[in-house]
Protein backbone atom coordinates (compact mmCIF):
# COMPACT_ATOMS: atom_id res chain seq x y z
CA MET A 1 0.46 -8.60 -3.62
CA ASN A 2 -2.95 -8.80 -1.69
CA LEU A 3 -4.44 -5.66 -3.28
CA ILE A 4 -7.76 -6.20 -1.53
CA ALA A 5 -6.15 -6.36 2.09
CA LEU A 6 -4.02 -3.20 1.25
CA ARG A 7 -7.42 -1.26 0.27
CA GLN A 8 -9.05 -2.99 3.53
CA LYS A 9 -6.20 -1.79 5.64
CA MET A 10 -6.55 1.54 3.90
CA ILE A 11 -10.08 2.21 4.54
CA GLU A 12 -9.80 1.29 8.07
CA LYS A 13 -7.04 3.88 8.90
CA ASN A 14 -9.32 6.30 6.98
CA LYS A 15 -6.20 7.01 4.51
CA SER A 16 -7.42 7.75 0.51
CA ASN A 17 -5.18 7.47 -2.46
CA LYS A 18 -4.37 10.94 -2.13
CA GLU A 19 -3.39 11.38 1.26
CA LEU A 20 -1.10 8.19 0.87
CA ALA A 21 0.57 9.52 -2.58
CA PHE A 22 1.26 12.87 -0.83
CA GLU A 23 2.67 10.96 2.07
CA LEU A 24 4.67 8.63 -0.03
CA GLY A 25 6.07 11.69 -1.88
CA ILE A 26 4.43 10.32 -5.43
CA SER A 27 2.05 11.49 -7.50
CA ARG A 28 -1.51 10.54 -7.54
CA SER A 29 -1.57 8.73 -10.41
CA ALA A 30 1.79 6.92 -9.67
CA MET A 31 -0.33 5.51 -6.33
CA GLN A 32 -2.85 4.48 -8.50
CA ARG A 33 -0.69 2.35 -10.52
CA LYS A 34 0.54 0.99 -7.59
CA LEU A 35 -2.79 0.13 -6.08
CA SER A 36 -3.89 -1.36 -9.41
CA GLY A 37 -0.83 -3.76 -9.44
CA LYS A 38 0.45 -2.10 -12.53
CA THR A 39 3.77 -1.07 -10.70
CA GLN A 40 5.29 -1.87 -7.59
CA PHE A 41 6.37 -0.08 -4.33
CA SER A 42 9.78 0.68 -3.73
CA GLN A 43 11.53 -0.24 -0.44
CA SER A 44 11.36 3.35 1.05
CA GLU A 45 8.04 3.54 -0.17
CA LEU A 46 7.20 0.45 1.53
CA LYS A 47 8.93 1.05 4.89
CA VAL A 48 6.82 4.56 4.64
CA LEU A 49 3.55 2.54 4.00
CA ILE A 50 4.03 0.28 7.07
CA SER A 51 4.68 2.78 9.07
CA ILE A 52 1.59 5.07 7.65
CA LEU A 53 -0.82 2.05 7.99
CA GLN A 54 0.88 0.62 11.30
CA LEU A 55 1.04 -2.81 9.74
CA SER A 56 1.95 -5.79 12.08
CA LYS A 57 4.69 -8.34 10.84
CA ALA A 58 1.60 -10.63 9.96
CA GLU A 59 -0.14 -7.71 8.12
CA ILE A 60 3.03 -7.10 5.93
CA LEU A 61 3.51 -10.91 4.93
CA TYR A 62 -0.32 -11.23 4.07
CA ILE A 63 -0.34 -7.98 1.94
CA PHE A 64 3.15 -7.75 0.33
CA PHE A 65 4.57 -11.23 -0.04
CA ASP A 66 1.07 -12.77 -1.49
CA ASP A 67 1.07 -13.81 -4.84
CA LYS A 68 -2.06 -15.28 -5.07
CA VAL A 69 -4.23 -12.00 -4.91
CA SER A 70 -3.66 -9.38 -7.28
């Protein structure tokens, strides 16, 4: 997962860790673990995240399926 690109998209959409955690229905600490690469997003969390951040297909591939950057 390209965590840098994900964080950039969060900034672009003015979404904080706290806001995204609330919208995903998870704790802030769980969100932090996901954003630090310690745990992965579930499929249902990814669907919500993609919708919230309005990610294109190219962005989805670049952010979530790029094993080179973590």
